[in-house]
């Protein structure tokens, strides 16, 4: 299945906000917040497991 980076078939509503038009035309933009949140969650998951494996000894002065 081919990924559509630009949606040419979208029919815009007259008077719609510019961000709605942009998101409708470029739907891959909807995945950007999920990518950022996934990266953040992955970092914290690694950090927590590193703390558990080190028997609870603090490895950094974060807190």
Protein backbone atom coordinates (compact mmCIF):
# COMPACT_ATOMS: atom_id res chain seq x y z
CA UNK A 1 0.00 0.00 0.00
CA UNK A 2 1.42 3.35 -1.01
CA UNK A 3 1.66 6.08 1.62
CA UNK A 4 0.03 9.34 0.56
CA UNK A 5 2.13 12.22 1.77
CA UNK A 6 -0.11 14.75 0.04
CA UNK A 7 -3.86 14.20 -0.15
CA UNK A 8 -4.97 15.59 -3.51
CA UNK A 9 -8.56 14.36 -3.14
CA UNK A 10 -9.48 16.54 -0.18
CA UNK A 11 -12.37 18.95 -0.70
CA UNK A 12 -11.87 21.90 1.59
CA UNK A 13 -14.75 23.76 3.21
CA UNK A 14 -14.73 27.45 2.32
CA UNK A 15 -13.71 29.56 5.32
CA UNK A 16 -11.97 26.70 7.15
CA UNK A 17 -8.97 27.68 9.30
CA UNK A 18 -5.57 27.38 7.63
CA UNK A 19 -4.38 24.69 10.05
CA UNK A 20 -7.39 22.51 9.15
CA UNK A 21 -6.64 22.91 5.44
CA UNK A 22 -2.96 22.08 6.02
CA UNK A 23 -3.73 18.99 8.13
CA UNK A 24 -6.28 17.76 5.60
CA UNK A 25 -3.83 18.17 2.73
CA UNK A 26 -0.83 16.68 4.60
CA UNK A 27 -2.29 13.91 6.84
CA UNK A 28 1.13 12.58 7.94
CA UNK A 29 1.35 15.65 10.23
CA UNK A 30 -1.09 13.88 12.56
CA UNK A 31 1.63 11.34 13.42
CA UNK A 32 4.17 13.92 14.63
CA UNK A 33 2.76 14.34 18.18
CA UNK A 34 2.58 10.55 18.56
CA UNK A 35 6.22 10.24 17.47
CA UNK A 36 7.31 12.82 20.04
CA UNK A 37 5.31 11.17 22.83
CA UNK A 38 6.60 7.71 21.89
CA UNK A 39 10.20 8.93 22.05
CA UNK A 40 9.59 10.55 25.45
CA UNK A 41 7.89 7.43 26.84
CA UNK A 42 10.66 5.19 25.51
CA UNK A 43 13.32 7.33 27.22
CA UNK A 44 11.55 7.20 30.58
CA UNK A 45 10.90 3.48 30.26
CA UNK A 46 14.62 2.86 29.76
CA UNK A 47 15.50 5.14 32.66
CA UNK A 48 13.06 3.42 35.03
CA UNK A 49 14.28 -0.09 34.10
CA UNK A 50 17.88 1.02 34.56
CA UNK A 51 16.98 2.19 38.07
CA UNK A 52 15.24 -1.12 38.86
CA UNK A 53 18.19 -3.17 37.60
CA UNK A 54 20.64 -1.15 39.69
CA UNK A 55 18.74 -2.20 42.86
CA UNK A 56 17.18 1.19 43.37
CA UNK A 57 20.46 3.04 43.69
CA UNK A 58 20.09 6.48 42.16
CA UNK A 59 22.19 6.69 39.02
CA UNK A 60 21.75 10.42 38.52
CA UNK A 61 20.92 13.48 40.55
CA UNK A 62 17.68 14.08 38.70
CA UNK A 63 15.50 14.03 41.82
